[in-house]
PDB file of N, CA and C in Angstrom:
ATOM      1  N   MET A   1     135.180  82.925 131.550  1.00  0.00           N
ATOM      2  CA  MET A   1     134.564  84.181 131.894  1.00  0.00           C
ATOM      3  C   MET A   1     135.410  84.804 132.995  1.00  0.00           C
ATOM      4  N   LEU A   2     135.731  86.050 132.836  1.00  0.00           N
ATOM      5  CA  LEU A   2     136.615  86.776 133.740  1.00  0.00           C
ATOM      6  C   LEU A   2     135.851  87.952 134.337  1.00  0.00           C
ATOM      7  N   LEU A   3     135.792  88.008 135.670  1.00  0.00           N
ATOM      8  CA  LEU A   3     135.085  89.090 136.354  1.00  0.00           C
ATOM      9  C   LEU A   3     136.023  89.795 137.307  1.00  0.00           C
ATOM     10  N   ASP A   4     136.181  91.088 137.097  1.00  0.00           N
ATOM     11  CA  ASP A   4     136.986  91.918 137.992  1.00  0.00           C
ATOM     12  C   ASP A   4     136.461  93.339 137.889  1.00  0.00           C
ATOM     13  N   ASP A   5     136.292  94.005 139.026  1.00  0.00           N
ATOM     14  CA  ASP A   5     135.764  95.369 138.984  1.00  0.00           C
ATOM     15  C   ASP A   5     136.807  96.380 138.509  1.00  0.00           C
ATOM     16  N   SER A   6     138.052  95.957 138.339  1.00  0.00           N
ATOM     17  CA  SER A   6     139.110  96.844 137.863  1.00  0.00           C
ATOM     18  C   SER A   6     139.272  96.718 136.347  1.00  0.00           C
ATOM     19  N   GLU A   7     138.965  97.778 135.642  1.00  0.00           N
ATOM     20  CA  GLU A   7     139.139  97.794 134.187  1.00  0.00           C
ATOM     21  C   GLU A   7     140.607  97.581 133.821  1.00  0.00           C
ATOM     22  N   ILE A   8     141.512  98.122 134.632  1.00  0.00           N
ATOM     23  CA  ILE A   8     142.950  97.969 134.364  1.00  0.00           C
ATOM     24  C   ILE A   8     143.342  96.497 134.420  1.00  0.00           C
ATOM     25  N   THR A   9     142.856  95.789 135.436  1.00  0.00           N
ATOM     26  CA  THR A   9     143.152  94.360 135.553  1.00  0.00           C
ATOM     27  C   THR A   9     142.621  93.614 134.339  1.00  0.00           C
ATOM     28  N   LEU A  10     141.420  93.936 133.915  1.00  0.00           N
ATOM     29  CA  LEU A  10     140.849  93.282 132.736  1.00  0.00           C
ATOM     30  C   LEU A  10     141.662  93.583 131.484  1.00  0.00           C
ATOM     31  N   GLN A  11     142.150  94.827 131.365  1.00  0.00           N
ATOM     32  CA  GLN A  11     142.944  95.213 130.204  1.00  0.00           C
ATOM     33  C   GLN A  11     144.282  94.482 130.159  1.00  0.00           C
ATOM     34  N   VAL A  12     144.765  94.042 131.306  1.00  0.00           N
ATOM     35  CA  VAL A  12     146.010  93.271 131.364  1.00  0.00           C
ATOM     36  C   VAL A  12     145.736  91.789 131.133  1.00  0.00           C
ATOM     37  N   LEU A  13     144.747  91.249 131.834  1.00  0.00           N
ATOM     38  CA  LEU A  13     144.502  89.810 131.796  1.00  0.00           C
ATOM     39  C   LEU A  13     143.866  89.322 130.494  1.00  0.00           C
ATOM     40  N   GLU A  14     142.882  90.042 129.999  1.00  0.00           N
ATOM     41  CA  GLU A  14     142.154  89.561 128.822  1.00  0.00           C
ATOM     42  C   GLU A  14     143.069  89.315 127.623  1.00  0.00           C
ATOM     43  N   PRO A  15     143.895  90.278 127.208  1.00  0.00           N
ATOM     44  CA  PRO A  15     144.740  90.006 126.033  1.00  0.00           C
ATOM     45  C   PRO A  15     145.777  88.905 126.294  1.00  0.00           C
ATOM     46  N   HIS A  16     146.260  88.825 127.522  1.00  0.00           N
ATOM     47  CA  HIS A  16     147.246  87.791 127.821  1.00  0.00           C
ATOM     48  C   HIS A  16     146.613  86.401 127.730  1.00  0.00           C
ATOM     49  N   LEU A  17     145.457  86.241 128.337  1.00  0.00           N
ATOM     50  CA  LEU A  17     144.778  84.946 128.292  1.00  0.00           C
ATOM     51  C   LEU A  17     144.354  84.584 126.875  1.00  0.00           C
ATOM     52  N   THR A  18     143.931  85.573 126.116  1.00  0.00           N
ATOM     53  CA  THR A  18     143.562  85.338 124.716  1.00  0.00           C
ATOM     54  C   THR A  18     144.787  84.889 123.925  1.00  0.00           C
ATOM     55  N   ALA A  19     145.913  85.528 124.167  1.00  0.00           N
ATOM     56  CA  ALA A  19     147.150  85.201 123.439  1.00  0.00           C
ATOM     57  C   ALA A  19     147.631  83.776 123.704  1.00  0.00           C
ATOM     58  N   VAL A  20     147.306  83.232 124.873  1.00  0.00           N
ATOM     59  CA  VAL A  20     147.742  81.865 125.182  1.00  0.00           C
ATOM     60  C   VAL A  20     146.652  80.833 124.901  1.00  0.00           C
ATOM     61  N   GLY A  21     145.594  81.249 124.200  1.00  0.00           N
ATOM     62  CA  GLY A  21     144.641  80.286 123.694  1.00  0.00           C
ATOM     63  C   GLY A  21     143.267  80.228 124.332  1.00  0.00           C
ATOM     64  N   PHE A  22     142.983  81.083 125.273  1.00  0.00           N
ATOM     65  CA  PHE A  22     141.664  81.073 125.902  1.00  0.00           C
ATOM     66  C   PHE A  22     140.725  82.030 125.190  1.00  0.00           C
ATOM     67  N   GLU A  23     139.467  81.640 125.078  1.00  0.00           N
ATOM     68  CA  GLU A  23     138.427  82.553 124.621  1.00  0.00           C
ATOM     69  C   GLU A  23     137.921  83.240 125.885  1.00  0.00           C
ATOM     70  N   VAL A  24     138.093  84.547 125.956  1.00  0.00           N
ATOM     71  CA  VAL A  24     137.813  85.283 127.190  1.00  0.00           C
ATOM     72  C   VAL A  24     136.633  86.215 127.004  1.00  0.00           C
ATOM     73  N   HIS A  25     135.742  86.148 127.957  1.00  0.00           N
ATOM     74  CA  HIS A  25     134.625  87.089 128.033  1.00  0.00           C
ATOM     75  C   HIS A  25     134.844  87.848 129.344  1.00  0.00           C
ATOM     76  N   ALA A  26     135.369  89.076 129.245  1.00  0.00           N
ATOM     77  CA  ALA A  26     135.742  89.845 130.423  1.00  0.00           C
ATOM     78  C   ALA A  26     134.657  90.852 130.789  1.00  0.00           C
ATOM     79  N   LEU A  27     134.329  90.887 132.084  1.00  0.00           N
ATOM     80  CA  LEU A  27     133.286  91.780 132.577  1.00  0.00           C
ATOM     81  C   LEU A  27     133.759  92.485 133.841  1.00  0.00           C
ATOM     82  N   SER A  28     133.332  93.737 133.991  1.00  0.00           N
ATOM     83  CA  SER A  28     133.683  94.484 135.201  1.00  0.00           C
ATOM     84  C   SER A  28     132.474  94.726 136.098  1.00  0.00           C
ATOM     85  N   SER A  29     131.309  94.325 135.631  1.00  0.00           N
ATOM     86  CA  SER A  29     130.076  94.559 136.367  1.00  0.00           C
ATOM     87  C   SER A  29     129.494  93.249 136.860  1.00  0.00           C
ATOM     88  N   LEU A  30     129.232  93.178 138.134  1.00  0.00           N
ATOM     89  CA  LEU A  30     128.612  91.997 138.720  1.00  0.00           C
ATOM     90  C   LEU A  30     127.224  91.766 138.126  1.00  0.00           C
ATOM     91  N   ARG A  31     126.490  92.816 137.944  1.00  0.00           N
ATOM     92  CA  ARG A  31     125.138  92.712 137.356  1.00  0.00           C
ATOM     93  C   ARG A  31     125.221  92.114 135.951  1.00  0.00           C
ATOM     94  N   GLN A  32     126.147  92.617 135.160  1.00  0.00           N
ATOM     95  CA  GLN A  32     126.326  92.112 133.800  1.00  0.00           C
ATOM     96  C   GLN A  32     126.755  90.636 133.843  1.00  0.00           C
ATOM     97  N   PHE A  33     127.640  90.296 134.766  1.00  0.00           N
ATOM     98  CA  PHE A  33     128.089  88.910 134.919  1.00  0.00           C
ATOM     99  C   PHE A  33     126.909  87.988 135.208  1.00  0.00           C
ATOM    100  N   VAL A  34     126.096  88.347 136.186  1.00  0.00           N
ATOM    101  CA  VAL A  34     124.956  87.518 136.573  1.00  0.00           C
ATOM    102  C   VAL A  34     123.992  87.359 135.399  1.00  0.00           C
ATOM    103  N   ASN A  35     123.805  88.420 134.623  1.00  0.00           N
ATOM    104  CA  ASN A  35     122.910  88.348 133.462  1.00  0.00           C
ATOM    105  C   ASN A  35     123.481  87.467 132.349  1.00  0.00           C
ATOM    106  N   GLU A  36     124.803  87.443 132.197  1.00  0.00           N
ATOM    107  CA  GLU A  36     125.411  86.754 131.066  1.00  0.00           C
ATOM    108  C   GLU A  36     125.923  85.351 131.374  1.00  0.00           C
ATOM    109  N   VAL A  37     126.197  85.039 132.626  1.00  0.00           N
ATOM    110  CA  VAL A  37     126.818  83.747 132.935  1.00  0.00           C
ATOM    111  C   VAL A  37     125.927  82.573 132.543  1.00  0.00           C
ATOM    112  N   MET A  38     124.648  82.698 132.678  1.00  0.00           N
ATOM    113  CA  MET A  38     123.752  81.598 132.332  1.00  0.00           C
ATOM    114  C   MET A  38     123.598  81.439 130.816  1.00  0.00           C
ATOM    115  N   ASP A  39     123.711  82.544 130.076  1.00  0.00           N
ATOM    116  CA  ASP A  39     123.591  82.485 128.622  1.00  0.00           C
ATOM    117  C   ASP A  39     124.884  82.007 127.954  1.00  0.00           C
ATOM    118  N   TRP A  40     126.026  82.479 128.465  1.00  0.00           N
ATOM    119  CA  TRP A  40     127.307  82.174 127.827  1.00  0.00           C
ATOM    120  C   TRP A  40     127.809  80.787 128.224  1.00  0.00           C
ATOM    121  N   LYS A  41     127.434  80.296 129.364  1.00  0.00           N
ATOM    122  CA  LYS A  41     127.826  78.980 129.872  1.00  0.00           C
ATOM    123  C   LYS A  41     129.343  78.766 129.767  1.00  0.00           C
ATOM    124  N   PRO A  42     130.116  79.501 130.556  1.00  0.00           N
ATOM    125  CA  PRO A  42     131.573  79.399 130.468  1.00  0.00           C
ATOM    126  C   PRO A  42     132.096  78.045 130.957  1.00  0.00           C
ATOM    127  N   HIS A  43     133.248  77.667 130.421  1.00  0.00           N
ATOM    128  CA  HIS A  43     133.915  76.447 130.871  1.00  0.00           C
ATOM    129  C   HIS A  43     134.679  76.686 132.167  1.00  0.00           C
ATOM    130  N   LEU A  44     135.100  77.917 132.379  1.00  0.00           N
ATOM    131  CA  LEU A  44     135.843  78.325 133.580  1.00  0.00           C
ATOM    132  C   LEU A  44     135.389  79.722 133.973  1.00  0.00           C
ATOM    133  N   ILE A  45     135.439  79.993 135.274  1.00  0.00           N
ATOM    134  CA  ILE A  45     135.134  81.335 135.762  1.00  0.00           C
ATOM    135  C   ILE A  45     136.301  81.784 136.623  1.00  0.00           C
ATOM    136  N   VAL A  46     136.778  82.995 136.352  1.00  0.00           N
ATOM    137  CA  VAL A  46     137.822  83.623 137.163  1.00  0.00           C
ATOM    138  C   VAL A  46     137.207  84.876 137.751  1.00  0.00           C
ATOM    139  N   THR A  47     137.276  84.993 139.071  1.00  0.00           N
ATOM    140  CA  THR A  47     136.686  86.160 139.716  1.00  0.00           C
ATOM    141  C   THR A  47     137.652  86.795 140.705  1.00  0.00           C
ATOM    142  N   ASP A  48     137.554  88.095 140.804  1.00  0.00           N
ATOM    143  CA  ASP A  48     138.260  88.843 141.829  1.00  0.00           C
ATOM    144  C   ASP A  48     137.597  88.517 143.169  1.00  0.00           C
ATOM    145  N   LEU A  49     138.290  88.772 144.241  1.00  0.00           N
ATOM    146  CA  LEU A  49     137.715  88.513 145.562  1.00  0.00           C
ATOM    147  C   LEU A  49     136.986  89.735 146.103  1.00  0.00           C
ATOM    148  N   TYR A  50     137.637  90.873 146.044  1.00  0.00           N
ATOM    149  CA  TYR A  50     137.065  92.086 146.625  1.00  0.00           C
ATOM    150  C   TYR A  50     136.405  92.930 145.550  1.00  0.00           C
ATOM    151  N   MET A  51     135.060  92.937 145.554  1.00  0.00           N
ATOM    152  CA  MET A  51     134.294  93.710 144.586  1.00  0.00           C
ATOM    153  C   MET A  51     133.108  94.348 145.301  1.00  0.00           C
ATOM    154  N   PRO A  52     132.640  95.480 144.797  1.00  0.00           N
ATOM    155  CA  PRO A  52     131.460  96.090 145.412  1.00  0.00           C
ATOM    156  C   PRO A  52     130.198  95.278 145.103  1.00  0.00           C
ATOM    157  N   GLY A  53     129.295  95.242 146.042  1.00  0.00           N
ATOM    158  CA  GLY A  53     128.024  94.552 145.831  1.00  0.00           C
ATOM    159  C   GLY A  53     128.023  93.112 146.284  1.00  0.00           C
ATOM    160  N   MET A  54     129.032  92.355 145.878  1.00  0.00           N
ATOM    161  CA  MET A  54     129.133  90.949 146.251  1.00  0.00           C
ATOM    162  C   MET A  54     130.601  90.542 146.111  1.00  0.00           C
ATOM    163  N   SER A  55     131.135  89.931 147.113  1.00  0.00           N
ATOM    164  CA  SER A  55     132.535  89.507 147.030  1.00  0.00           C
ATOM    165  C   SER A  55     132.656  88.287 146.116  1.00  0.00           C
ATOM    166  N   GLY A  56     133.863  88.007 145.684  1.00  0.00           N
ATOM    167  CA  GLY A  56     134.099  86.804 144.897  1.00  0.00           C
ATOM    168  C   GLY A  56     133.730  85.546 145.660  1.00  0.00           C
ATOM    169  N   ALA A  57     133.911  85.559 146.976  1.00  0.00           N
ATOM    170  CA  ALA A  57     133.529  84.409 147.807  1.00  0.00           C
ATOM    171  C   ALA A  57     132.017  84.225 147.794  1.00  0.00           C
ATOM    172  N   GLU A  58     131.277  85.315 147.950  1.00  0.00           N
ATOM    173  CA  GLU A  58     129.814  85.233 147.904  1.00  0.00           C
ATOM    174  C   GLU A  58     129.340  84.797 146.521  1.00  0.00           C
ATOM    175  N   LEU A  59     130.002  85.310 145.492  1.00  0.00           N
ATOM    176  CA  LEU A  59     129.660  84.939 144.128  1.00  0.00           C
ATOM    177  C   LEU A  59     129.893  83.446 143.921  1.00  0.00           C
ATOM    178  N   CYS A  60     131.006  82.946 144.405  1.00  0.00           N
ATOM    179  CA  CYS A  60     131.306  81.526 144.270  1.00  0.00           C
ATOM    180  C   CYS A  60     130.225  80.680 144.945  1.00  0.00           C
ATOM    181  N   SER A  61     129.832  81.059 146.131  1.00  0.00           N
ATOM    182  CA  SER A  61     128.762  80.332 146.831  1.00  0.00           C
ATOM    183  C   SER A  61     127.470  80.367 146.030  1.00  0.00           C
ATOM    184  N   TRP A  62     127.147  81.525 145.463  1.00  0.00           N
ATOM    185  CA  TRP A  62     125.941  81.657 144.644  1.00  0.00           C
ATOM    186  C   TRP A  62     126.034  80.768 143.404  1.00  0.00           C
ATOM    187  N   LEU A  63     127.199  80.779 142.730  1.00  0.00           N
ATOM    188  CA  LEU A  63     127.379  79.963 141.536  1.00  0.00           C
ATOM    189  C   LEU A  63     127.248  78.475 141.847  1.00  0.00           C
ATOM    190  N   ARG A  64     127.755  78.053 142.991  1.00  0.00           N
ATOM    191  CA  ARG A  64     127.670  76.648 143.394  1.00  0.00           C
ATOM    192  C   ARG A  64     126.221  76.234 143.684  1.00  0.00           C
ATOM    193  N   ALA A  65     125.376  77.195 144.026  1.00  0.00           N
ATOM    194  CA  ALA A  65     123.972  76.900 144.332  1.00  0.00           C
ATOM    195  C   ALA A  65     123.088  76.874 143.077  1.00  0.00           C
ATOM    196  N   GLN A  66     123.625  77.300 141.934  1.00  0.00           N
ATOM    197  CA  GLN A  66     122.861  77.329 140.687  1.00  0.00           C
ATOM    198  C   GLN A  66     123.104  76.027 139.918  1.00  0.00           C
ATOM    199  N   ILE A  67     122.069  75.434 139.420  1.00  0.00           N
ATOM    200  CA  ILE A  67     122.195  74.170 138.678  1.00  0.00           C
ATOM    201  C   ILE A  67     123.142  74.333 137.490  1.00  0.00           C
ATOM    202  N   GLN A  68     123.024  75.431 136.761  1.00  0.00           N
ATOM    203  CA  GLN A  68     123.806  75.630 135.542  1.00  0.00           C
ATOM    204  C   GLN A  68     125.300  75.809 135.799  1.00  0.00           C
ATOM    205  N   THR A  69     125.683  76.290 136.982  1.00  0.00           N
ATOM    206  CA  THR A  69     127.094  76.592 137.242  1.00  0.00           C
ATOM    207  C   THR A  69     127.662  75.832 138.444  1.00  0.00           C
ATOM    208  N   ALA A  70     126.901  74.919 138.986  1.00  0.00           N
ATOM    209  CA  ALA A  70     127.333  74.218 140.201  1.00  0.00           C
ATOM    210  C   ALA A  70     128.666  73.510 140.033  1.00  0.00           C
ATOM    211  N   LYS A  71     128.947  73.016 138.847  1.00  0.00           N
ATOM    212  CA  LYS A  71     130.180  72.263 138.619  1.00  0.00           C
ATOM    213  C   LYS A  71     131.194  73.014 137.769  1.00  0.00           C
ATOM    214  N   THR A  72     130.892  74.245 137.412  1.00  0.00           N
ATOM    215  CA  THR A  72     131.826  75.038 136.617  1.00  0.00           C
ATOM    216  C   THR A  72     133.045  75.375 137.467  1.00  0.00           C
ATOM    217  N   PRO A  73     134.250  75.089 136.975  1.00  0.00           N
ATOM    218  CA  PRO A  73     135.452  75.424 137.746  1.00  0.00           C
ATOM    219  C   PRO A  73     135.570  76.929 137.979  1.00  0.00           C
ATOM    220  N   ILE A  74     135.935  77.282 139.205  1.00  0.00           N
ATOM    221  CA  ILE A  74     136.063  78.690 139.589  1.00  0.00           C
ATOM    222  C   ILE A  74     137.432  78.917 140.212  1.00  0.00           C
ATOM    223  N   ILE A  75     138.122  79.930 139.719  1.00  0.00           N
ATOM    224  CA  ILE A  75     139.408  80.360 140.269  1.00  0.00           C
ATOM    225  C   ILE A  75     139.228  81.766 140.821  1.00  0.00           C
ATOM    226  N   ILE A  76     139.693  81.977 142.028  1.00  0.00           N
ATOM    227  CA  ILE A  76     139.678  83.313 142.614  1.00  0.00           C
ATOM    228  C   ILE A  76     141.045  83.934 142.372  1.00  0.00           C
ATOM    229  N   CYS A  77     141.052  85.107 141.770  1.00  0.00           N
ATOM    230  CA  CYS A  77     142.285  85.823 141.454  1.00  0.00           C
ATOM    231  C   CYS A  77     142.269  87.121 142.253  1.00  0.00           C
ATOM    232  N   SER A  78     143.183  87.229 143.191  1.00  0.00           N
ATOM    233  CA  SER A  78     143.134  88.353 144.123  1.00  0.00           C
ATOM    234  C   SER A  78     144.526  88.701 144.627  1.00  0.00           C
ATOM    235  N   SER A  79     144.645  89.890 145.163  1.00  0.00           N
ATOM    236  CA  SER A  79     145.896  90.294 145.796  1.00  0.00           C
ATOM    237  C   SER A  79     145.872  90.017 147.304  1.00  0.00           C
ATOM    238  N   ALA A  80     144.854  89.316 147.773  1.00  0.00           N
ATOM    239  CA  ALA A  80     144.773  88.941 149.192  1.00  0.00           C
ATOM    240  C   ALA A  80     145.918  87.991 149.535  1.00  0.00           C
ATOM    241  N   ALA A  81     146.204  87.884 150.815  1.00  0.00           N
ATOM    242  CA  ALA A  81     147.268  86.995 151.285  1.00  0.00           C
ATOM    243  C   ALA A  81     146.946  85.541 150.935  1.00  0.00           C
ATOM    244  N   PRO A  82     147.942  84.764 150.536  1.00  0.00           N
ATOM    245  CA  PRO A  82     147.703  83.363 150.159  1.00  0.00           C
ATOM    246  C   PRO A  82     146.976  82.541 151.220  1.00  0.00           C
ATOM    247  N   LYS A  83     147.278  82.735 152.484  1.00  0.00           N
ATOM    248  CA  LYS A  83     146.586  81.969 153.529  1.00  0.00           C
ATOM    249  C   LYS A  83     145.097  82.303 153.560  1.00  0.00           C
ATOM    250  N   GLU A  84     144.773  83.580 153.370  1.00  0.00           N
ATOM    251  CA  GLU A  84     143.368  83.979 153.321  1.00  0.00           C
ATOM    252  C   GLU A  84     142.688  83.367 152.099  1.00  0.00           C
ATOM    253  N   LEU A  85     143.375  83.390 150.964  1.00  0.00           N
ATOM    254  CA  LEU A  85     142.808  82.805 149.746  1.00  0.00           C
ATOM    255  C   LEU A  85     142.589  81.303 149.894  1.00  0.00           C
ATOM    256  N   GLU A  86     143.531  80.607 150.490  1.00  0.00           N
ATOM    257  CA  GLU A  86     143.382  79.159 150.729  1.00  0.00           C
ATOM    258  C   GLU A  86     142.143  78.878 151.568  1.00  0.00           C
ATOM    259  N   ARG A  87     141.967  79.659 152.620  1.00  0.00           N
ATOM    260  CA  ARG A  87     140.813  79.475 153.509  1.00  0.00           C
ATOM    261  C   ARG A  87     139.513  79.727 152.755  1.00  0.00           C
ATOM    262  N   ILE A  88     139.455  80.796 152.003  1.00  0.00           N
ATOM    263  CA  ILE A  88     138.237  81.152 151.274  1.00  0.00           C
ATOM    264  C   ILE A  88     137.906  80.096 150.222  1.00  0.00           C
ATOM    265  N   VAL A  89     138.905  79.641 149.501  1.00  0.00           N
ATOM    266  CA  VAL A  89     138.691  78.611 148.483  1.00  0.00           C
ATOM    267  C   VAL A  89     138.064  77.369 149.108  1.00  0.00           C
ATOM    268  N   ARG A  90     138.585  76.949 150.248  1.00  0.00           N
ATOM    269  CA  ARG A  90     138.021  75.781 150.939  1.00  0.00           C
ATOM    270  C   ARG A  90     136.587  76.040 151.385  1.00  0.00           C
ATOM    271  N   GLU A  91     136.329  77.225 151.938  1.00  0.00           N
ATOM    272  CA  GLU A  91     134.997  77.539 152.480  1.00  0.00           C
ATOM    273  C   GLU A  91     133.914  77.619 151.418  1.00  0.00           C
ATOM    274  N   VAL A  92     134.236  78.151 150.248  1.00  0.00           N
ATOM    275  CA  VAL A  92     133.199  78.409 149.247  1.00  0.00           C
ATOM    276  C   VAL A  92     133.197  77.407 148.096  1.00  0.00           C
ATOM    277  N   GLY A  93     134.128  76.482 148.101  1.00  0.00           N
ATOM    278  CA  GLY A  93     134.137  75.458 147.064  1.00  0.00           C
ATOM    279  C   GLY A  93     134.717  75.886 145.738  1.00  0.00           C
ATOM    280  N   ALA A  94     135.578  76.889 145.765  1.00  0.00           N
ATOM    281  CA  ALA A  94     136.273  77.267 144.524  1.00  0.00           C
ATOM    282  C   ALA A  94     137.297  76.179 144.199  1.00  0.00           C
ATOM    283  N   ASP A  95     137.789  76.198 142.982  1.00  0.00           N
ATOM    284  CA  ASP A  95     138.729  75.170 142.542  1.00  0.00           C
ATOM    285  C   ASP A  95     140.180  75.584 142.703  1.00  0.00           C
ATOM    286  N   GLY A  96     140.402  76.812 143.126  1.00  0.00           N
ATOM    287  CA  GLY A  96     141.769  77.263 143.341  1.00  0.00           C
ATOM    288  C   GLY A  96     141.837  78.772 143.371  1.00  0.00           C
ATOM    289  N   PHE A  97     143.060  79.243 143.499  1.00  0.00           N
ATOM    290  CA  PHE A  97     143.288  80.683 143.524  1.00  0.00           C
ATOM    291  C   PHE A  97     144.626  80.992 142.882  1.00  0.00           C
ATOM    292  N   VAL A  98     144.763  82.246 142.488  1.00  0.00           N
ATOM    293  CA  VAL A  98     146.023  82.780 141.983  1.00  0.00           C
ATOM    294  C   VAL A  98     146.164  84.175 142.557  1.00  0.00           C
ATOM    295  N   SER A  99     147.349  84.487 143.019  1.00  0.00           N
ATOM    296  CA  SER A  99     147.621  85.828 143.507  1.00  0.00           C
ATOM    297  C   SER A  99     147.858  86.763 142.325  1.00  0.00           C
ATOM    298  N   LYS A 100     147.224  87.914 142.346  1.00  0.00           N
ATOM    299  CA  LYS A 100     147.452  88.899 141.287  1.00  0.00           C
ATOM    300  C   LYS A 100     148.914  89.339 141.272  1.00  0.00           C
ATOM    301  N   ASP A 101     149.577  89.234 142.418  1.00  0.00           N
ATOM    302  CA  ASP A 101     150.981  89.619 142.509  1.00  0.00           C
ATOM    303  C   ASP A 101     151.879  88.727 141.645  1.00  0.00           C
ATOM    304  N   GLU A 102     151.394  87.521 141.308  1.00  0.00           N
ATOM    305  CA  GLU A 102     152.178  86.597 140.487  1.00  0.00           C
ATOM    306  C   GLU A 102     152.131  86.943 139.006  1.00  0.00           C
ATOM    307  N   GLY A 103     151.187  87.782 138.608  1.00  0.00           N
ATOM    308  CA  GLY A 103     151.098  88.211 137.218  1.00  0.00           C
ATOM    309  C   GLY A 103     150.213  87.335 136.359  1.00  0.00           C
ATOM    310  N   PRO A 104     149.941  87.804 135.135  1.00  0.00           N
ATOM    311  CA  PRO A 104     149.034  87.088 134.239  1.00  0.00           C
ATOM    312  C   PRO A 104     149.555  85.712 133.815  1.00  0.00           C
ATOM    313  N   GLU A 105     150.873  85.534 133.798  1.00  0.00           N
ATOM    314  CA  GLU A 105     151.434  84.239 133.426  1.00  0.00           C
ATOM    315  C   GLU A 105     151.019  83.157 134.419  1.00  0.00           C
ATOM    316  N   ALA A 106     151.005  83.490 135.698  1.00  0.00           N
ATOM    317  CA  ALA A 106     150.609  82.519 136.724  1.00  0.00           C
ATOM    318  C   ALA A 106     149.141  82.140 136.577  1.00  0.00           C
ATOM    319  N   LEU A 107     148.298  83.108 136.257  1.00  0.00           N
ATOM    320  CA  LEU A 107     146.881  82.807 136.049  1.00  0.00           C
ATOM    321  C   LEU A 107     146.719  81.902 134.833  1.00  0.00           C
ATOM    322  N   ALA A 108     147.390  82.227 133.746  1.00  0.00           N
ATOM    323  CA  ALA A 108     147.302  81.397 132.540  1.00  0.00           C
ATOM    324  C   ALA A 108     147.767  79.970 132.837  1.00  0.00           C
ATOM    325  N   GLN A 109     148.857  79.826 133.569  1.00  0.00           N
ATOM    326  CA  GLN A 109     149.353  78.491 133.897  1.00  0.00           C
ATOM    327  C   GLN A 109     148.359  77.729 134.772  1.00  0.00           C
ATOM    328  N   ARG A 110     147.780  78.404 135.760  1.00  0.00           N
ATOM    329  CA  ARG A 110     146.802  77.740 136.635  1.00  0.00           C
ATOM    330  C   ARG A 110     145.580  77.300 135.840  1.00  0.00           C
ATOM    331  N   LEU A 111     145.138  78.124 134.894  1.00  0.00           N
ATOM    332  CA  LEU A 111     143.991  77.757 134.072  1.00  0.00           C
ATOM    333  C   LEU A 111     144.324  76.583 133.155  1.00  0.00           C
ATOM    334  N   HIS A 112     145.526  76.575 132.578  1.00  0.00           N
ATOM    335  CA  HIS A 112     145.942  75.430 131.760  1.00  0.00           C
ATOM    336  C   HIS A 112     145.997  74.161 132.605  1.00  0.00           C
ATOM    337  N   ASP A 113     146.564  74.268 133.814  1.00  0.00           N
ATOM    338  CA  ASP A 113     146.623  73.114 134.719  1.00  0.00           C
ATOM    339  C   ASP A 113     145.218  72.599 135.044  1.00  0.00           C
ATOM    340  N   LEU A 114     144.311  73.524 135.323  1.00  0.00           N
ATOM    341  CA  LEU A 114     142.938  73.150 135.641  1.00  0.00           C
ATOM    342  C   LEU A 114     142.268  72.463 134.456  1.00  0.00           C
ATOM    343  N   CYS A 115     142.515  72.978 133.256  1.00  0.00           N
ATOM    344  CA  CYS A 115     141.943  72.352 132.056  1.00  0.00           C
ATOM    345  C   CYS A 115     142.461  70.926 131.899  1.00  0.00           C
ATOM    346  N   GLU A 116     143.727  70.714 132.164  1.00  0.00           N
ATOM    347  CA  GLU A 116     144.279  69.356 132.084  1.00  0.00           C
ATOM    348  C   GLU A 116     143.660  68.442 133.136  1.00  0.00           C
ATOM    349  N   GLU A 117     143.437  68.965 134.336  1.00  0.00           N
ATOM    350  CA  GLU A 117     142.795  68.166 135.385  1.00  0.00           C
ATOM    351  C   GLU A 117     141.385  67.772 134.956  1.00  0.00           C
ATOM    352  N   ILE A 118     140.673  68.671 134.332  1.00  0.00           N
ATOM    353  CA  ILE A 118     139.296  68.415 133.910  1.00  0.00           C
ATOM    354  C   ILE A 118     139.273  67.360 132.806  1.00  0.00           C
ATOM    355  N   VAL A 119     140.176  67.490 131.849  1.00  0.00           N
ATOM    356  CA  VAL A 119     140.207  66.571 130.718  1.00  0.00           C
ATOM    357  C   VAL A 119     140.620  65.174 131.162  1.00  0.00           C
ATOM    358  N   TRP A 120     141.569  65.073 132.053  1.00  0.00           N
ATOM    359  CA  TRP A 120     142.061  63.755 132.485  1.00  0.00           C
ATOM    360  C   TRP A 120     141.241  63.281 133.642  1.00  0.00           C
TER     361      TRP A 120
END
């Protein structure tokens, strides 16, 4: 499940991730995400950090507090500075981060790496 308030980002990431083998459910609305995350039960969640209404960090904390998503791997994908992302990931219990500046290939690679960690 991919959440980003930027439609442009979703238009770039969704087809790329789909092309490399992921089934992607992309959403730009936090409300829609909250309504659908419990029904769709994603294997992975990728969220932007800076969004209106609730930040990706707050969302991660909320997801960790829900029984259904407490153990779902979460990656924060943002253009924030890497040191800030490292700190936030540690604070909220996310499983990692990817800088948007690295491009969709870096996100796909991080997700593949995470899937291998989960399987092994």
